[in-house]
PDB file of N, CA and C in Angstrom:
ATOM      1  N   UNK A   1      89.334 145.539 125.309  1.00  0.00           N
ATOM      2  CA  UNK A   1      88.949 144.841 124.095  1.00  0.00           C
ATOM      3  C   UNK A   1      90.221 144.518 123.290  1.00  0.00           C
ATOM      4  N   UNK A   2      90.285 143.303 122.737  1.00  0.00           N
ATOM      5  CA  UNK A   2      91.451 142.904 121.976  1.00  0.00           C
ATOM      6  C   UNK A   2      91.374 143.448 120.549  1.00  0.00           C
ATOM      7  N   UNK A   3      92.449 144.017 120.095  1.00  0.00           N
ATOM      8  CA  UNK A   3      92.524 144.505 118.714  1.00  0.00           C
ATOM      9  C   UNK A   3      93.221 143.463 117.844  1.00  0.00           C
ATOM     10  N   UNK A   4      92.792 143.333 116.651  1.00  0.00           N
ATOM     11  CA  UNK A   4      93.430 142.424 115.694  1.00  0.00           C
ATOM     12  C   UNK A   4      94.685 143.119 115.161  1.00  0.00           C
ATOM     13  N   UNK A   5      95.799 142.372 115.228  1.00  0.00           N
ATOM     14  CA  UNK A   5      97.071 142.935 114.744  1.00  0.00           C
ATOM     15  C   UNK A   5      97.088 142.937 113.227  1.00  0.00           C
ATOM     16  N   UNK A   6      97.064 144.103 112.606  1.00  0.00           N
ATOM     17  CA  UNK A   6      97.045 144.209 111.153  1.00  0.00           C
ATOM     18  C   UNK A   6      98.335 144.777 110.606  1.00  0.00           C
ATOM     19  N   UNK A   7      99.412 144.648 111.351  1.00  0.00           N
ATOM     20  CA  UNK A   7     100.689 145.160 110.872  1.00  0.00           C
ATOM     21  C   UNK A   7     101.198 144.267 109.744  1.00  0.00           C
ATOM     22  N   UNK A   8     102.125 144.780 108.998  1.00  0.00           N
ATOM     23  CA  UNK A   8     102.704 144.020 107.884  1.00  0.00           C
ATOM     24  C   UNK A   8     103.388 142.758 108.373  1.00  0.00           C
ATOM     25  N   UNK A   9     104.053 142.843 109.497  1.00  0.00           N
ATOM     26  CA  UNK A   9     104.739 141.673 110.068  1.00  0.00           C
ATOM     27  C   UNK A   9     103.731 140.560 110.364  1.00  0.00           C
ATOM     28  N   UNK A  10     102.599 140.916 110.972  1.00  0.00           N
ATOM     29  CA  UNK A  10     101.569 139.926 111.295  1.00  0.00           C
ATOM     30  C   UNK A  10     100.984 139.314 110.030  1.00  0.00           C
ATOM     31  N   UNK A  11     100.765 140.131 109.009  1.00  0.00           N
ATOM     32  CA  UNK A  11     100.230 139.613 107.737  1.00  0.00           C
ATOM     33  C   UNK A  11     101.200 138.644 107.073  1.00  0.00           C
ATOM     34  N   UNK A  12     102.490 138.972 107.132  1.00  0.00           N
ATOM     35  CA  UNK A  12     103.494 138.088 106.538  1.00  0.00           C
ATOM     36  C   UNK A  12     103.540 136.763 107.300  1.00  0.00           C
ATOM     37  N   UNK A  13     103.487 136.818 108.610  1.00  0.00           N
ATOM     38  CA  UNK A  13     103.514 135.588 109.402  1.00  0.00           C
ATOM     39  C   UNK A  13     102.285 134.743 109.092  1.00  0.00           C
ATOM     40  N   UNK A  14     101.098 135.362 108.967  1.00  0.00           N
ATOM     41  CA  UNK A  14      99.901 134.612 108.623  1.00  0.00           C
ATOM     42  C   UNK A  14     100.034 133.951 107.244  1.00  0.00           C
ATOM     43  N   UNK A  15     100.568 134.669 106.294  1.00  0.00           N
ATOM     44  CA  UNK A  15     100.739 134.119 104.937  1.00  0.00           C
ATOM     45  C   UNK A  15     101.695 132.930 104.964  1.00  0.00           C
ATOM     46  N   UNK A  16     102.777 133.055 105.703  1.00  0.00           N
ATOM     47  CA  UNK A  16     103.736 131.956 105.804  1.00  0.00           C
ATOM     48  C   UNK A  16     103.105 130.723 106.478  1.00  0.00           C
ATOM     49  N   UNK A  17     102.300 130.951 107.493  1.00  0.00           N
ATOM     50  CA  UNK A  17     101.610 129.839 108.136  1.00  0.00           C
ATOM     51  C   UNK A  17     100.636 129.149 107.206  1.00  0.00           C
ATOM     52  N   UNK A  18      99.887 129.941 106.433  1.00  0.00           N
ATOM     53  CA  UNK A  18      98.946 129.350 105.461  1.00  0.00           C
ATOM     54  C   UNK A  18      99.688 128.589 104.369  1.00  0.00           C
ATOM     55  N   UNK A  19     100.818 129.116 103.924  1.00  0.00           N
ATOM     56  CA  UNK A  19     101.622 128.415 102.911  1.00  0.00           C
ATOM     57  C   UNK A  19     102.139 127.114 103.462  1.00  0.00           C
ATOM     58  N   UNK A  20     102.543 127.117 104.714  1.00  0.00           N
ATOM     59  CA  UNK A  20     103.005 125.883 105.353  1.00  0.00           C
ATOM     60  C   UNK A  20     101.907 124.843 105.459  1.00  0.00           C
ATOM     61  N   UNK A  21     100.708 125.291 105.757  1.00  0.00           N
ATOM     62  CA  UNK A  21      99.573 124.344 105.799  1.00  0.00           C
ATOM     63  C   UNK A  21      99.278 123.775 104.429  1.00  0.00           C
ATOM     64  N   UNK A  22      99.378 124.595 103.410  1.00  0.00           N
ATOM     65  CA  UNK A  22      99.093 124.124 102.038  1.00  0.00           C
ATOM     66  C   UNK A  22     100.100 123.070 101.615  1.00  0.00           C
ATOM     67  N   UNK A  23     101.341 123.228 102.015  1.00  0.00           N
ATOM     68  CA  UNK A  23     102.388 122.281 101.637  1.00  0.00           C
ATOM     69  C   UNK A  23     102.247 120.996 102.435  1.00  0.00           C
ATOM     70  N   UNK A  24     101.785 121.068 103.678  1.00  0.00           N
ATOM     71  CA  UNK A  24     101.731 119.897 104.528  1.00  0.00           C
ATOM     72  C   UNK A  24     100.601 118.953 104.176  1.00  0.00           C
ATOM     73  N   UNK A  25      99.550 119.438 103.532  1.00  0.00           N
ATOM     74  CA  UNK A  25      98.431 118.579 103.170  1.00  0.00           C
ATOM     75  C   UNK A  25      98.681 117.962 101.797  1.00  0.00           C
ATOM     76  N   UNK A  26      98.251 116.693 101.578  1.00  0.00           N
ATOM     77  CA  UNK A  26      98.450 116.064 100.293  1.00  0.00           C
ATOM     78  C   UNK A  26      97.642 116.750  99.201  1.00  0.00           C
ATOM     79  N   UNK A  27      98.096 116.571  97.977  1.00  0.00           N
ATOM     80  CA  UNK A  27      97.413 117.170  96.835  1.00  0.00           C
ATOM     81  C   UNK A  27      96.041 116.527  96.666  1.00  0.00           C
ATOM     82  N   UNK A  28      95.133 117.266  96.093  1.00  0.00           N
ATOM     83  CA  UNK A  28      93.791 116.746  95.907  1.00  0.00           C
ATOM     84  C   UNK A  28      93.790 115.673  94.811  1.00  0.00           C
ATOM     85  N   UNK A  29      92.772 114.842  94.857  1.00  0.00           N
ATOM     86  CA  UNK A  29      92.685 113.730  93.917  1.00  0.00           C
ATOM     87  C   UNK A  29      92.060 114.183  92.615  1.00  0.00           C
ATOM     88  N   UNK A  30      92.507 113.571  91.539  1.00  0.00           N
ATOM     89  CA  UNK A  30      91.959 113.837  90.222  1.00  0.00           C
ATOM     90  C   UNK A  30      91.546 112.542  89.574  1.00  0.00           C
ATOM     91  N   UNK A  31      90.498 112.590  88.788  1.00  0.00           N
ATOM     92  CA  UNK A  31      90.006 111.413  88.088  1.00  0.00           C
ATOM     93  C   UNK A  31      90.543 111.434  86.668  1.00  0.00           C
ATOM     94  N   UNK A  32      91.209 110.355  86.287  1.00  0.00           N
ATOM     95  CA  UNK A  32      91.743 110.213  84.922  1.00  0.00           C
ATOM     96  C   UNK A  32      90.956 109.091  84.262  1.00  0.00           C
ATOM     97  N   UNK A  33      90.482 109.356  83.049  1.00  0.00           N
ATOM     98  CA  UNK A  33      89.758 108.327  82.325  1.00  0.00           C
ATOM     99  C   UNK A  33      90.046 108.466  80.844  1.00  0.00           C
ATOM    100  N   UNK A  34      89.807 107.378  80.123  1.00  0.00           N
ATOM    101  CA  UNK A  34      90.060 107.402  78.694  1.00  0.00           C
ATOM    102  C   UNK A  34      90.032 106.003  78.102  1.00  0.00           C
ATOM    103  N   UNK A  35      90.749 105.843  76.991  1.00  0.00           N
ATOM    104  CA  UNK A  35      90.790 104.602  76.265  1.00  0.00           C
ATOM    105  C   UNK A  35      92.236 104.109  76.214  1.00  0.00           C
ATOM    106  N   UNK A  36      92.424 102.802  76.408  1.00  0.00           N
ATOM    107  CA  UNK A  36      93.747 102.182  76.306  1.00  0.00           C
ATOM    108  C   UNK A  36      93.769 101.347  75.038  1.00  0.00           C
ATOM    109  N   UNK A  37      94.691 101.640  74.134  1.00  0.00           N
ATOM    110  CA  UNK A  37      94.839 100.824  72.920  1.00  0.00           C
ATOM    111  C   UNK A  37      96.094  99.987  73.024  1.00  0.00           C
ATOM    112  N   UNK A  38      96.073  98.822  72.416  1.00  0.00           N
ATOM    113  CA  UNK A  38      97.245  97.963  72.380  1.00  0.00           C
ATOM    114  C   UNK A  38      97.249  96.858  73.413  1.00  0.00           C
ATOM    115  N   UNK A  39      96.238  96.807  74.274  1.00  0.00           N
ATOM    116  CA  UNK A  39      96.108  95.721  75.252  1.00  0.00           C
ATOM    117  C   UNK A  39      94.653  95.246  75.255  1.00  0.00           C
ATOM    118  N   UNK A  40      94.443  94.007  75.696  1.00  0.00           N
ATOM    119  CA  UNK A  40      93.111  93.429  75.715  1.00  0.00           C
ATOM    120  C   UNK A  40      92.331  93.869  76.960  1.00  0.00           C
ATOM    121  N   UNK A  41      91.018  93.910  76.879  1.00  0.00           N
ATOM    122  CA  UNK A  41      90.227  94.211  78.059  1.00  0.00           C
ATOM    123  C   UNK A  41      90.520  93.190  79.178  1.00  0.00           C
ATOM    124  N   UNK A  42      90.586  93.670  80.385  1.00  0.00           N
ATOM    125  CA  UNK A  42      90.919  92.812  81.519  1.00  0.00           C
ATOM    126  C   UNK A  42      92.396  92.883  81.911  1.00  0.00           C
ATOM    127  N   UNK A  43      93.214  93.490  81.051  1.00  0.00           N
ATOM    128  CA  UNK A  43      94.647  93.609  81.357  1.00  0.00           C
ATOM    129  C   UNK A  43      94.828  94.576  82.521  1.00  0.00           C
ATOM    130  N   UNK A  44      95.833  94.323  83.333  1.00  0.00           N
ATOM    131  CA  UNK A  44      96.157  95.187  84.460  1.00  0.00           C
ATOM    132  C   UNK A  44      97.538  95.808  84.224  1.00  0.00           C
ATOM    133  N   UNK A  45      97.604  97.127  84.304  1.00  0.00           N
ATOM    134  CA  UNK A  45      98.848  97.867  84.097  1.00  0.00           C
ATOM    135  C   UNK A  45      99.263  98.558  85.383  1.00  0.00           C
ATOM    136  N   UNK A  46     100.558  98.555  85.680  1.00  0.00           N
ATOM    137  CA  UNK A  46     101.089  99.203  86.867  1.00  0.00           C
ATOM    138  C   UNK A  46     101.178 100.715  86.640  1.00  0.00           C
ATOM    139  N   UNK A  47     100.760 101.486  87.649  1.00  0.00           N
ATOM    140  CA  UNK A  47     100.868 102.943  87.609  1.00  0.00           C
ATOM    141  C   UNK A  47     101.874 103.310  88.703  1.00  0.00           C
ATOM    142  N   UNK A  48     102.942 104.015  88.326  1.00  0.00           N
ATOM    143  CA  UNK A  48     103.977 104.344  89.315  1.00  0.00           C
ATOM    144  C   UNK A  48     104.265 105.841  89.336  1.00  0.00           C
ATOM    145  N   UNK A  49     104.821 106.252  90.477  1.00  0.00           N
ATOM    146  CA  UNK A  49     105.243 107.641  90.661  1.00  0.00           C
ATOM    147  C   UNK A  49     106.571 107.594  91.409  1.00  0.00           C
ATOM    148  N   UNK A  50     107.546 108.241  90.842  1.00  0.00           N
ATOM    149  CA  UNK A  50     108.906 108.256  91.426  1.00  0.00           C
ATOM    150  C   UNK A  50     109.437 106.837  91.622  1.00  0.00           C
ATOM    151  N   UNK A  51     109.161 105.955  90.686  1.00  0.00           N
ATOM    152  CA  UNK A  51     109.667 104.604  90.720  1.00  0.00           C
ATOM    153  C   UNK A  51     108.924 103.650  91.639  1.00  0.00           C
ATOM    154  N   UNK A  52     107.884 104.108  92.307  1.00  0.00           N
ATOM    155  CA  UNK A  52     107.113 103.273  93.234  1.00  0.00           C
ATOM    156  C   UNK A  52     105.712 103.036  92.679  1.00  0.00           C
ATOM    157  N   UNK A  53     105.276 101.790  92.645  1.00  0.00           N
ATOM    158  CA  UNK A  53     103.953 101.463  92.135  1.00  0.00           C
ATOM    159  C   UNK A  53     102.909 101.956  93.138  1.00  0.00           C
ATOM    160  N   UNK A  54     101.984 102.796  92.659  1.00  0.00           N
ATOM    161  CA  UNK A  54     100.986 103.399  93.534  1.00  0.00           C
ATOM    162  C   UNK A  54      99.571 102.890  93.239  1.00  0.00           C
ATOM    163  N   UNK A  55      99.367 102.283  92.065  1.00  0.00           N
ATOM    164  CA  UNK A  55      98.020 101.817  91.722  1.00  0.00           C
ATOM    165  C   UNK A  55      98.112 100.794  90.586  1.00  0.00           C
ATOM    166  N   UNK A  56      97.020 100.097  90.387  1.00  0.00           N
ATOM    167  CA  UNK A  56      96.863  99.158  89.266  1.00  0.00           C
ATOM    168  C   UNK A  56      95.727  99.696  88.408  1.00  0.00           C
ATOM    169  N   UNK A  57      95.984  99.799  87.117  1.00  0.00           N
ATOM    170  CA  UNK A  57      94.979 100.273  86.164  1.00  0.00           C
ATOM    171  C   UNK A  57      94.422  99.048  85.446  1.00  0.00           C
ATOM    172  N   UNK A  58      93.142  98.801  85.576  1.00  0.00           N
ATOM    173  CA  UNK A  58      92.506  97.671  84.913  1.00  0.00           C
ATOM    174  C   UNK A  58      91.736  98.168  83.702  1.00  0.00           C
ATOM    175  N   UNK A  59      92.039  97.557  82.549  1.00  0.00           N
ATOM    176  CA  UNK A  59      91.376  97.944  81.287  1.00  0.00           C
ATOM    177  C   UNK A  59      90.005  97.241  81.261  1.00  0.00           C
ATOM    178  N   UNK A  60      88.962  98.034  81.139  1.00  0.00           N
ATOM    179  CA  UNK A  60      87.602  97.512  81.137  1.00  0.00           C
ATOM    180  C   UNK A  60      87.177  97.181  79.714  1.00  0.00           C
ATOM    181  N   UNK A  61      85.977  96.630  79.562  1.00  0.00           N
ATOM    182  CA  UNK A  61      85.460  96.323  78.236  1.00  0.00           C
ATOM    183  C   UNK A  61      85.363  97.600  77.418  1.00  0.00           C
ATOM    184  N   UNK A  62      85.612  97.485  76.143  1.00  0.00           N
ATOM    185  CA  UNK A  62      85.626  98.653  75.267  1.00  0.00           C
ATOM    186  C   UNK A  62      86.924  99.433  75.364  1.00  0.00           C
ATOM    187  N   UNK A  63      87.960  98.820  75.991  1.00  0.00           N
ATOM    188  CA  UNK A  63      89.275  99.428  76.149  1.00  0.00           C
ATOM    189  C   UNK A  63      89.252 100.653  77.066  1.00  0.00           C
ATOM    190  N   UNK A  64      88.194 100.850  77.870  1.00  0.00           N
ATOM    191  CA  UNK A  64      88.076 102.022  78.727  1.00  0.00           C
ATOM    192  C   UNK A  64      88.807 101.809  80.061  1.00  0.00           C
ATOM    193  N   UNK A  65      89.220 102.904  80.668  1.00  0.00           N
ATOM    194  CA  UNK A  65      89.779 102.850  82.016  1.00  0.00           C
ATOM    195  C   UNK A  65      89.365 104.098  82.776  1.00  0.00           C
ATOM    196  N   UNK A  66      89.405 103.996  84.082  1.00  0.00           N
ATOM    197  CA  UNK A  66      89.101 105.119  84.965  1.00  0.00           C
ATOM    198  C   UNK A  66      89.866 104.888  86.267  1.00  0.00           C
ATOM    199  N   UNK A  67      90.604 105.912  86.720  1.00  0.00           N
ATOM    200  CA  UNK A  67      91.423 105.757  87.921  1.00  0.00           C
ATOM    201  C   UNK A  67      91.489 107.108  88.629  1.00  0.00           C
ATOM    202  N   UNK A  68      91.487 107.076  89.938  1.00  0.00           N
ATOM    203  CA  UNK A  68      91.594 108.301  90.739  1.00  0.00           C
ATOM    204  C   UNK A  68      92.973 108.339  91.400  1.00  0.00           C
ATOM    205  N   UNK A  69      93.711 109.413  91.174  1.00  0.00           N
ATOM    206  CA  UNK A  69      95.070 109.573  91.695  1.00  0.00           C
ATOM    207  C   UNK A  69      95.247 110.974  92.252  1.00  0.00           C
ATOM    208  N   UNK A  70      96.201 111.129  93.165  1.00  0.00           N
ATOM    209  CA  UNK A  70      96.564 112.467  93.611  1.00  0.00           C
ATOM    210  C   UNK A  70      97.168 113.224  92.435  1.00  0.00           C
ATOM    211  N   UNK A  71      97.086 114.553  92.487  1.00  0.00           N
ATOM    212  CA  UNK A  71      97.625 115.348  91.366  1.00  0.00           C
ATOM    213  C   UNK A  71      99.109 115.087  91.218  1.00  0.00           C
ATOM    214  N   UNK A  72      99.556 115.037  89.963  1.00  0.00           N
ATOM    215  CA  UNK A  72     100.976 114.831  89.704  1.00  0.00           C
ATOM    216  C   UNK A  72     101.216 114.080  88.407  1.00  0.00           C
ATOM    217  N   UNK A  73     102.469 113.720  88.212  1.00  0.00           N
ATOM    218  CA  UNK A  73     102.928 113.013  87.005  1.00  0.00           C
ATOM    219  C   UNK A  73     103.116 111.541  87.338  1.00  0.00           C
ATOM    220  N   UNK A  74     102.567 110.663  86.514  1.00  0.00           N
ATOM    221  CA  UNK A  74     102.645 109.213  86.732  1.00  0.00           C
ATOM    222  C   UNK A  74     103.112 108.536  85.453  1.00  0.00           C
ATOM    223  N   UNK A  75     103.630 107.326  85.599  1.00  0.00           N
ATOM    224  CA  UNK A  75     103.987 106.514  84.445  1.00  0.00           C
ATOM    225  C   UNK A  75     103.161 105.227  84.503  1.00  0.00           C
ATOM    226  N   UNK A  76     102.686 104.826  83.326  1.00  0.00           N
ATOM    227  CA  UNK A  76     101.936 103.578  83.187  1.00  0.00           C
ATOM    228  C   UNK A  76     102.811 102.600  82.429  1.00  0.00           C
ATOM    229  N   UNK A  77     103.018 101.425  83.014  1.00  0.00           N
ATOM    230  CA  UNK A  77     103.892 100.427  82.388  1.00  0.00           C
ATOM    231  C   UNK A  77     103.048  99.529  81.496  1.00  0.00           C
ATOM    232  N   UNK A  78     103.186  99.742  80.173  1.00  0.00           N
ATOM    233  CA  UNK A  78     102.542  98.864  79.186  1.00  0.00           C
ATOM    234  C   UNK A  78     103.454  97.669  78.916  1.00  0.00           C
ATOM    235  N   UNK A  79     102.939  96.657  78.223  1.00  0.00           N
ATOM    236  CA  UNK A  79     103.787  95.489  77.925  1.00  0.00           C
ATOM    237  C   UNK A  79     105.050  95.840  77.123  1.00  0.00           C
ATOM    238  N   UNK A  80     104.977  96.858  76.246  1.00  0.00           N
ATOM    239  CA  UNK A  80     106.135  97.148  75.399  1.00  0.00           C
ATOM    240  C   UNK A  80     106.813  98.492  75.675  1.00  0.00           C
ATOM    241  N   UNK A  81     106.204  99.351  76.487  1.00  0.00           N
ATOM    242  CA  UNK A  81     106.780 100.665  76.759  1.00  0.00           C
ATOM    243  C   UNK A  81     106.131 101.288  77.996  1.00  0.00           C
ATOM    244  N   UNK A  82     106.625 102.444  78.395  1.00  0.00           N
ATOM    245  CA  UNK A  82     105.972 103.183  79.475  1.00  0.00           C
ATOM    246  C   UNK A  82     105.391 104.468  78.913  1.00  0.00           C
ATOM    247  N   UNK A  83     104.240 104.873  79.470  1.00  0.00           N
ATOM    248  CA  UNK A  83     103.525 106.056  79.004  1.00  0.00           C
ATOM    249  C   UNK A  83     103.334 106.992  80.198  1.00  0.00           C
ATOM    250  N   UNK A  84     103.495 108.284  79.974  1.00  0.00           N
ATOM    251  CA  UNK A  84     103.332 109.274  81.031  1.00  0.00           C
ATOM    252  C   UNK A  84     101.891 109.808  81.004  1.00  0.00           C
ATOM    253  N   UNK A  85     101.280 109.888  82.198  1.00  0.00           N
ATOM    254  CA  UNK A  85      99.964 110.505  82.319  1.00  0.00           C
ATOM    255  C   UNK A  85     100.041 111.530  83.444  1.00  0.00           C
ATOM    256  N   UNK A  86      99.117 112.469  83.420  1.00  0.00           N
ATOM    257  CA  UNK A  86      99.086 113.532  84.428  1.00  0.00           C
ATOM    258  C   UNK A  86      97.717 113.571  85.098  1.00  0.00           C
ATOM    259  N   UNK A  87      97.718 113.615  86.427  1.00  0.00           N
ATOM    260  CA  UNK A  87      96.480 113.773  87.212  1.00  0.00           C
ATOM    261  C   UNK A  87      96.384 115.226  87.629  1.00  0.00           C
ATOM    262  N   UNK A  88      95.250 115.830  87.359  1.00  0.00           N
ATOM    263  CA  UNK A  88      95.003 117.214  87.752  1.00  0.00           C
ATOM    264  C   UNK A  88      93.910 117.230  88.824  1.00  0.00           C
ATOM    265  N   UNK A  89      93.661 118.367  89.403  1.00  0.00           N
ATOM    266  CA  UNK A  89      92.644 118.453  90.456  1.00  0.00           C
ATOM    267  C   UNK A  89      91.259 118.579  89.793  1.00  0.00           C
ATOM    268  N   UNK A  90      90.797 117.476  89.245  1.00  0.00           N
ATOM    269  CA  UNK A  90      89.520 117.429  88.560  1.00  0.00           C
ATOM    270  C   UNK A  90      89.572 116.329  87.504  1.00  0.00           C
ATOM    271  N   UNK A  91      88.486 116.070  86.840  1.00  0.00           N
ATOM    272  CA  UNK A  91      88.478 115.004  85.823  1.00  0.00           C
ATOM    273  C   UNK A  91      89.265 115.380  84.581  1.00  0.00           C
ATOM    274  N   UNK A  92      89.985 114.412  84.046  1.00  0.00           N
ATOM    275  CA  UNK A  92      90.825 114.590  82.854  1.00  0.00           C
ATOM    276  C   UNK A  92      90.637 113.385  81.957  1.00  0.00           C
ATOM    277  N   UNK A  93      90.588 113.603  80.652  1.00  0.00           N
ATOM    278  CA  UNK A  93      90.547 112.510  79.685  1.00  0.00           C
ATOM    279  C   UNK A  93      91.914 112.382  79.042  1.00  0.00           C
ATOM    280  N   UNK A  94      92.534 111.203  79.221  1.00  0.00           N
ATOM    281  CA  UNK A  94      93.839 110.924  78.616  1.00  0.00           C
ATOM    282  C   UNK A  94      93.803 109.520  78.042  1.00  0.00           C
ATOM    283  N   UNK A  95      94.003 109.418  76.735  1.00  0.00           N
ATOM    284  CA  UNK A  95      94.076 108.126  76.093  1.00  0.00           C
ATOM    285  C   UNK A  95      95.501 107.586  76.179  1.00  0.00           C
ATOM    286  N   UNK A  96      95.607 106.266  76.363  1.00  0.00           N
ATOM    287  CA  UNK A  96      96.922 105.640  76.494  1.00  0.00           C
ATOM    288  C   UNK A  96      97.113 104.693  75.314  1.00  0.00           C
ATOM    289  N   UNK A  97      98.209 104.839  74.613  1.00  0.00           N
ATOM    290  CA  UNK A  97      98.540 103.969  73.488  1.00  0.00           C
ATOM    291  C   UNK A  97      99.719 103.091  73.883  1.00  0.00           C
ATOM    292  N   UNK A  98      99.448 101.805  74.100  1.00  0.00           N
ATOM    293  CA  UNK A  98     100.505 100.886  74.540  1.00  0.00           C
ATOM    294  C   UNK A  98     101.234 100.271  73.372  1.00  0.00           C
TER     295      UNK A  98
END
Protein backbone atom coordinates (compact mmCIF):
# COMPACT_ATOMS: atom_id res chain seq x y z
CA UNK A 1 0.00 0.00 0.00
CA UNK A 2 1.31 3.47 -0.87
CA UNK A 3 1.81 5.88 2.00
CA UNK A 4 1.36 9.61 1.55
CA UNK A 5 4.62 11.43 2.15
CA UNK A 6 3.92 13.89 5.00
CA UNK A 7 7.48 14.99 5.67
CA UNK A 8 8.29 18.67 5.94
CA UNK A 9 10.23 18.55 2.69
CA UNK A 10 7.19 17.16 0.83
CA UNK A 11 4.91 19.80 2.36
CA UNK A 12 7.29 22.60 1.34
CA UNK A 13 7.49 21.26 -2.22
CA UNK A 14 3.68 21.09 -2.42
CA UNK A 15 3.36 24.67 -1.15
CA UNK A 16 5.88 25.91 -3.70
CA UNK A 17 4.04 24.11 -6.49
CA UNK A 18 0.71 25.63 -5.42
CA UNK A 19 2.30 29.09 -5.23
CA UNK A 20 3.67 28.61 -8.73
CA UNK A 21 0.23 27.70 -10.01
CA UNK A 22 -1.28 30.77 -8.37
CA UNK A 23 1.25 33.03 -10.05
CA UNK A 24 0.87 31.42 -13.47
CA UNK A 25 -2.89 31.96 -13.71
CA UNK A 26 -4.24 35.44 -14.53
CA UNK A 27 -5.88 37.51 -11.83
CA UNK A 28 -9.61 37.21 -11.46
CA UNK A 29 -11.88 39.76 -13.05
CA UNK A 30 -13.53 42.55 -11.14
CA UNK A 31 -16.50 44.70 -12.08
CA UNK A 32 -16.01 48.45 -11.75
CA UNK A 33 -19.00 50.73 -12.00
CA UNK A 34 -19.91 54.28 -11.09
CA UNK A 35 -20.53 57.75 -12.44
CA UNK A 36 -18.32 59.77 -14.81
CA UNK A 37 -18.53 63.55 -14.47
CA UNK A 38 -17.09 66.06 -16.89
CA UNK A 39 -17.91 64.22 -20.14
CA UNK A 40 -21.11 63.77 -22.14
CA UNK A 41 -23.00 60.47 -22.34
CA UNK A 42 -21.74 58.41 -25.27
CA UNK A 43 -18.12 59.50 -24.79
CA UNK A 44 -15.49 56.77 -25.02
CA UNK A 45 -12.46 56.87 -22.72
CA UNK A 46 -9.31 54.75 -23.05
CA UNK A 47 -8.44 52.47 -20.13
CA UNK A 48 -4.75 51.53 -19.96
CA UNK A 49 -2.44 49.43 -17.83
CA UNK A 50 1.33 49.80 -17.94
CA UNK A 51 1.01 52.21 -20.86
CA UNK A 52 -1.01 49.80 -23.02
CA UNK A 53 -4.69 50.39 -23.83
CA UNK A 54 -6.63 47.37 -22.58
CA UNK A 55 -10.26 48.52 -22.85
CA UNK A 56 -12.61 51.31 -23.90
CA UNK A 57 -14.96 52.77 -21.30
CA UNK A 58 -18.22 54.06 -22.78
CA UNK A 59 -20.18 56.58 -20.72
CA UNK A 60 -23.85 55.59 -20.72
CA UNK A 61 -26.90 57.77 -20.20
CA UNK A 62 -27.01 59.33 -16.75
CA UNK A 63 -23.18 59.52 -16.78
CA UNK A 64 -23.00 55.84 -15.66
CA UNK A 65 -20.33 53.33 -16.64
CA UNK A 66 -19.64 49.67 -16.01
CA UNK A 67 -16.54 47.73 -17.06
CA UNK A 68 -15.02 44.35 -16.20
CA UNK A 69 -11.22 44.21 -15.82
CA UNK A 70 -8.63 41.90 -14.32
CA UNK A 71 -7.58 42.92 -10.82
CA UNK A 72 -5.02 45.69 -10.74
CA UNK A 73 -4.34 49.40 -11.19
CA UNK A 74 -5.56 51.14 -14.35
CA UNK A 75 -5.56 54.68 -15.73
CA UNK A 76 -8.49 56.25 -17.54
CA UNK A 77 -7.62 58.95 -20.06
CA UNK A 78 -10.09 61.82 -19.78
CA UNK A 79 -10.06 64.75 -22.23
CA UNK A 80 -8.15 66.97 -19.77
CA UNK A 81 -6.36 64.55 -17.39
CA UNK A 82 -5.81 60.93 -16.43
CA UNK A 83 -7.56 59.25 -13.49
CA UNK A 84 -6.44 56.12 -11.63
CA UNK A 85 -8.95 53.35 -10.91
CA UNK A 86 -8.50 50.00 -9.20
CA UNK A 87 -10.14 46.68 -10.10
CA UNK A 88 -10.57 44.23 -7.24
CA UNK A 89 -11.76 40.63 -7.27
CA UNK A 90 -15.42 41.57 -7.01
CA UNK A 91 -17.70 44.52 -7.73
CA UNK A 92 -16.40 47.99 -6.87
CA UNK A 93 -18.00 51.43 -7.14
CA UNK A 94 -15.58 54.14 -8.27
CA UNK A 95 -16.69 57.52 -9.53
CA UNK A 96 -14.51 59.23 -12.14
CA UNK A 97 -14.18 63.03 -12.28
CA UNK A 98 -12.78 64.14 -15.63
